[in-house]
Amino acid sequence: MAYKQAHIFYSGRVQGVGFRYTVRSIASQLKLSGWARNLPDGRVEVVCEGKEKDIGLFLDRVVKEFENRYIMNVEINWQEPTREFKGFNITF
């Protein structure tokens, strides 16, 4: 199973609605590592690493959790993993 990193940008109404905390919970359940943070332009940036299959589940669960009420766009960039993360954190 391929180990990957996804660099994701969520836009829409994704700040002030518990988005980062939900993302952290889903990532932790799937044993993914990385981080999430708010950006000044209103987006949320997420970097997560793990098995490609688990990242796919993560992406699906985040969208399902917010039922597209808040997420207007998702931009995903696949990268080689750095394996530098311990757990999944919210950064400020």
N, C-alpha and C. Protein backbone atom coordinates (compact mmCIF):
# COMPACT_ATOMS: atom_id res chain seq x y z
N MET A 1 0.85 -1.19 0.00
CA MET A 1 0.00 0.00 0.00
C MET A 1 0.89 1.24 0.00
N ALA A 2 0.63 2.14 -0.91
CA ALA A 2 1.45 3.35 -1.06
C ALA A 2 1.23 4.31 0.10
N TYR A 3 2.32 4.83 0.60
CA TYR A 3 2.31 5.85 1.64
C TYR A 3 2.44 7.19 0.93
N LYS A 4 1.53 8.11 1.22
CA LYS A 4 1.46 9.38 0.49
C LYS A 4 1.30 10.56 1.44
N GLN A 5 1.43 11.75 0.85
CA GLN A 5 1.08 12.98 1.55
C GLN A 5 0.11 13.76 0.68
N ALA A 6 -0.94 14.28 1.30
CA ALA A 6 -1.89 15.14 0.61
C ALA A 6 -1.82 16.52 1.23
N HIS A 7 -1.67 17.53 0.39
CA HIS A 7 -1.68 18.93 0.81
C HIS A 7 -3.01 19.48 0.30
N ILE A 8 -3.90 19.84 1.23
CA ILE A 8 -5.29 20.12 0.88
C ILE A 8 -5.67 21.53 1.32
N PHE A 9 -6.43 22.20 0.48
CA PHE A 9 -6.98 23.51 0.82
C PHE A 9 -8.50 23.41 0.71
N TYR A 10 -9.18 23.69 1.82
CA TYR A 10 -10.64 23.72 1.84
C TYR A 10 -11.08 25.18 1.85
N SER A 11 -12.03 25.52 0.98
CA SER A 11 -12.56 26.88 0.99
C SER A 11 -14.07 26.83 1.13
N GLY A 12 -14.62 27.94 1.54
CA GLY A 12 -16.05 28.04 1.83
C GLY A 12 -16.20 28.63 3.22
N ARG A 13 -17.20 28.17 3.94
CA ARG A 13 -17.37 28.61 5.33
C ARG A 13 -16.74 27.53 6.23
N VAL A 14 -15.42 27.53 6.28
CA VAL A 14 -14.70 26.46 6.97
C VAL A 14 -13.96 26.95 8.21
N GLN A 15 -14.12 28.21 8.54
CA GLN A 15 -13.53 28.73 9.78
C GLN A 15 -14.64 29.10 10.74
N GLY A 16 -14.42 28.82 12.03
CA GLY A 16 -15.40 29.15 13.05
C GLY A 16 -16.55 28.16 13.16
N VAL A 17 -16.39 26.97 12.56
CA VAL A 17 -17.46 25.96 12.60
C VAL A 17 -16.94 24.62 13.14
N GLY A 18 -15.76 24.62 13.77
CA GLY A 18 -15.19 23.38 14.30
C GLY A 18 -14.54 22.51 13.24
N PHE A 19 -14.26 23.09 12.10
CA PHE A 19 -13.73 22.31 10.97
C PHE A 19 -12.40 21.65 11.29
N ARG A 20 -11.44 22.41 11.81
CA ARG A 20 -10.11 21.85 12.09
C ARG A 20 -10.17 20.74 13.13
N TYR A 21 -11.05 20.89 14.12
CA TYR A 21 -11.15 19.89 15.17
C TYR A 21 -11.79 18.60 14.64
N THR A 22 -12.75 18.76 13.74
CA THR A 22 -13.34 17.58 13.09
C THR A 22 -12.32 16.90 12.20
N VAL A 23 -11.55 17.68 11.45
CA VAL A 23 -10.50 17.13 10.59
C VAL A 23 -9.49 16.35 11.44
N ARG A 24 -9.10 16.91 12.58
CA ARG A 24 -8.14 16.23 13.46
C ARG A 24 -8.73 14.92 13.98
N SER A 25 -9.98 14.92 14.35
CA SER A 25 -10.63 13.71 14.85
C SER A 25 -10.66 12.62 13.79
N ILE A 26 -11.07 12.98 12.58
CA ILE A 26 -11.13 12.00 11.48
C ILE A 26 -9.73 11.48 11.17
N ALA A 27 -8.75 12.37 11.07
CA ALA A 27 -7.38 11.96 10.76
C ALA A 27 -6.84 11.02 11.84
N SER A 28 -7.11 11.33 13.10
CA SER A 28 -6.62 10.49 14.19
C SER A 28 -7.26 9.11 14.16
N GLN A 29 -8.55 9.04 13.87
CA GLN A 29 -9.25 7.75 13.77
C GLN A 29 -8.63 6.88 12.69
N LEU A 30 -8.17 7.50 11.61
CA LEU A 30 -7.59 6.77 10.49
C LEU A 30 -6.07 6.60 10.60
N LYS A 31 -5.52 7.05 11.74
CA LYS A 31 -4.07 6.93 12.01
C LYS A 31 -3.23 7.72 11.00
N LEU A 32 -3.76 8.86 10.56
CA LEU A 32 -3.02 9.75 9.67
C LEU A 32 -2.26 10.77 10.51
N SER A 33 -1.17 11.25 9.99
CA SER A 33 -0.41 12.28 10.69
C SER A 33 -0.41 13.55 9.86
N GLY A 34 -0.13 14.69 10.51
CA GLY A 34 -0.07 15.95 9.81
C GLY A 34 -0.60 17.08 10.65
N TRP A 35 -1.21 18.07 10.00
CA TRP A 35 -1.72 19.24 10.70
C TRP A 35 -2.80 19.95 9.89
N ALA A 36 -3.52 20.84 10.58
CA ALA A 36 -4.53 21.69 9.95
C ALA A 36 -4.39 23.09 10.54
N ARG A 37 -4.61 24.10 9.69
CA ARG A 37 -4.56 25.48 10.19
C ARG A 37 -5.46 26.38 9.35
N ASN A 38 -5.94 27.45 10.00
CA ASN A 38 -6.70 28.48 9.31
C ASN A 38 -5.73 29.38 8.55
N LEU A 39 -6.16 29.84 7.40
CA LEU A 39 -5.38 30.80 6.61
C LEU A 39 -6.07 32.16 6.66
N PRO A 40 -5.30 33.24 6.52
CA PRO A 40 -5.90 34.58 6.57
C PRO A 40 -6.98 34.83 5.52
N ASP A 41 -6.94 34.10 4.40
CA ASP A 41 -7.93 34.32 3.33
C ASP A 41 -9.23 33.55 3.55
N GLY A 42 -9.37 32.89 4.72
CA GLY A 42 -10.61 32.19 5.05
C GLY A 42 -10.60 30.70 4.75
N ARG A 43 -9.54 30.21 4.09
CA ARG A 43 -9.45 28.78 3.81
C ARG A 43 -8.84 28.05 5.00
N VAL A 44 -8.94 26.73 4.97
CA VAL A 44 -8.24 25.87 5.91
C VAL A 44 -7.26 25.02 5.11
N GLU A 45 -6.02 25.01 5.55
CA GLU A 45 -4.95 24.24 4.92
C GLU A 45 -4.71 22.99 5.76
N VAL A 46 -4.61 21.85 5.09
CA VAL A 46 -4.39 20.57 5.76
C VAL A 46 -3.26 19.84 5.05
N VAL A 47 -2.36 19.28 5.84
CA VAL A 47 -1.35 18.36 5.31
C VAL A 47 -1.55 17.06 6.07
N CYS A 48 -1.73 15.95 5.34
CA CYS A 48 -1.84 14.67 6.03
C CYS A 48 -1.07 13.60 5.28
N GLU A 49 -0.53 12.69 6.07
CA GLU A 49 0.25 11.59 5.52
C GLU A 49 -0.28 10.27 6.05
N GLY A 50 -0.16 9.27 5.21
CA GLY A 50 -0.57 7.93 5.59
C GLY A 50 -0.76 7.09 4.35
N LYS A 51 -1.41 5.96 4.54
CA LYS A 51 -1.69 5.09 3.41
C LYS A 51 -2.67 5.81 2.47
N GLU A 52 -2.40 5.69 1.18
CA GLU A 52 -3.23 6.38 0.19
C GLU A 52 -4.71 6.05 0.37
N LYS A 53 -5.02 4.80 0.67
CA LYS A 53 -6.41 4.36 0.88
C LYS A 53 -7.03 5.11 2.06
N ASP A 54 -6.26 5.28 3.14
CA ASP A 54 -6.78 5.97 4.32
C ASP A 54 -6.96 7.46 4.07
N ILE A 55 -6.09 8.06 3.28
CA ILE A 55 -6.27 9.48 2.92
C ILE A 55 -7.54 9.63 2.09
N GLY A 56 -7.81 8.69 1.20
CA GLY A 56 -9.05 8.72 0.43
C GLY A 56 -10.27 8.66 1.33
N LEU A 57 -10.22 7.78 2.35
CA LEU A 57 -11.32 7.70 3.32
C LEU A 57 -11.46 9.01 4.08
N PHE A 58 -10.33 9.60 4.46
CA PHE A 58 -10.32 10.89 5.16
C PHE A 58 -11.02 11.95 4.33
N LEU A 59 -10.64 12.06 3.06
CA LEU A 59 -11.24 13.07 2.18
C LEU A 59 -12.75 12.88 2.07
N ASP A 60 -13.18 11.65 1.92
CA ASP A 60 -14.62 11.36 1.82
C ASP A 60 -15.35 11.71 3.12
N ARG A 61 -14.76 11.34 4.25
CA ARG A 61 -15.42 11.56 5.54
C ARG A 61 -15.51 13.05 5.89
N VAL A 62 -14.49 13.82 5.53
CA VAL A 62 -14.55 15.27 5.81
C VAL A 62 -15.71 15.89 5.02
N VAL A 63 -15.82 15.57 3.74
CA VAL A 63 -16.91 16.12 2.93
C VAL A 63 -18.25 15.65 3.46
N LYS A 64 -18.36 14.37 3.81
CA LYS A 64 -19.63 13.83 4.31
C LYS A 64 -20.00 14.49 5.64
N GLU A 65 -19.02 14.70 6.51
CA GLU A 65 -19.28 15.31 7.82
C GLU A 65 -19.87 16.71 7.68
N PHE A 66 -19.40 17.45 6.70
CA PHE A 66 -19.89 18.82 6.52
C PHE A 66 -20.92 18.93 5.41
N GLU A 67 -21.27 17.81 4.80
CA GLU A 67 -22.37 17.70 3.82
C GLU A 67 -22.39 18.83 2.80
N ASN A 68 -21.21 19.30 2.42
CA ASN A 68 -21.08 20.38 1.44
C ASN A 68 -21.82 21.66 1.84
N ARG A 69 -22.27 21.75 3.10
CA ARG A 69 -22.90 23.00 3.57
C ARG A 69 -21.85 24.08 3.70
N TYR A 70 -20.66 23.67 4.09
CA TYR A 70 -19.62 24.64 4.40
C TYR A 70 -18.49 24.62 3.38
N ILE A 71 -18.23 23.47 2.79
CA ILE A 71 -17.12 23.33 1.85
C ILE A 71 -17.60 23.71 0.46
N MET A 72 -16.97 24.73 -0.12
CA MET A 72 -17.31 25.14 -1.47
C MET A 72 -16.32 24.59 -2.49
N ASN A 73 -15.06 24.39 -2.07
CA ASN A 73 -14.04 23.89 -2.99
C ASN A 73 -12.97 23.15 -2.20
N VAL A 74 -12.43 22.11 -2.83
CA VAL A 74 -11.32 21.34 -2.25
C VAL A 74 -10.23 21.25 -3.30
N GLU A 75 -9.04 21.68 -2.94
CA GLU A 75 -7.88 21.58 -3.83
C GLU A 75 -6.90 20.61 -3.18
N ILE A 76 -6.54 19.56 -3.90
CA ILE A 76 -5.66 18.51 -3.35
C ILE A 76 -4.41 18.41 -4.20
N ASN A 77 -3.28 18.47 -3.54
CA ASN A 77 -1.99 18.27 -4.20
C ASN A 77 -1.32 17.06 -3.56
N TRP A 78 -1.05 16.04 -4.35
CA TRP A 78 -0.39 14.83 -3.85
C TRP A 78 1.12 15.02 -3.92
N GLN A 79 1.80 14.63 -2.85
CA GLN A 79 3.24 14.82 -2.73
C GLN A 79 3.88 13.57 -2.12
N GLU A 80 5.18 13.54 -2.20
CA GLU A 80 5.91 12.48 -1.52
C GLU A 80 5.87 12.75 -0.02
N PRO A 81 5.67 11.73 0.79
CA PRO A 81 5.61 11.93 2.24
C PRO A 81 6.97 12.31 2.81
N THR A 82 6.94 13.12 3.86
CA THR A 82 8.18 13.50 4.54
C THR A 82 8.41 12.65 5.80
N ARG A 83 7.33 12.06 6.31
CA ARG A 83 7.36 11.25 7.53
C ARG A 83 7.91 12.02 8.73
N GLU A 84 7.66 13.33 8.73
CA GLU A 84 8.16 14.18 9.81
C GLU A 84 7.15 14.40 10.93
N PHE A 85 5.89 14.02 10.71
CA PHE A 85 4.83 14.34 11.66
C PHE A 85 4.62 13.23 12.68
N LYS A 86 4.32 13.65 13.89
CA LYS A 86 3.95 12.73 14.98
C LYS A 86 2.51 13.05 15.34
N GLY A 87 1.59 12.22 14.95
CA GLY A 87 0.18 12.49 15.22
C GLY A 87 -0.36 13.57 14.30
N PHE A 88 -1.55 14.05 14.63
CA PHE A 88 -2.20 15.09 13.83
C PHE A 88 -2.51 16.27 14.74
N ASN A 89 -2.05 17.45 14.35
CA ASN A 89 -2.16 18.62 15.21
C ASN A 89 -2.88 19.76 14.52
N ILE A 90 -3.40 20.66 15.34
CA ILE A 90 -3.94 21.92 14.85
C ILE A 90 -2.88 22.95 15.13
N THR A 91 -2.48 23.69 14.09
CA THR A 91 -1.47 24.73 14.25
C THR A 91 -2.13 26.09 14.15
N PHE A 92 -1.47 27.06 14.73
CA PHE A 92 -2.02 28.42 14.75
C PHE A 92 -1.04 29.39 14.15
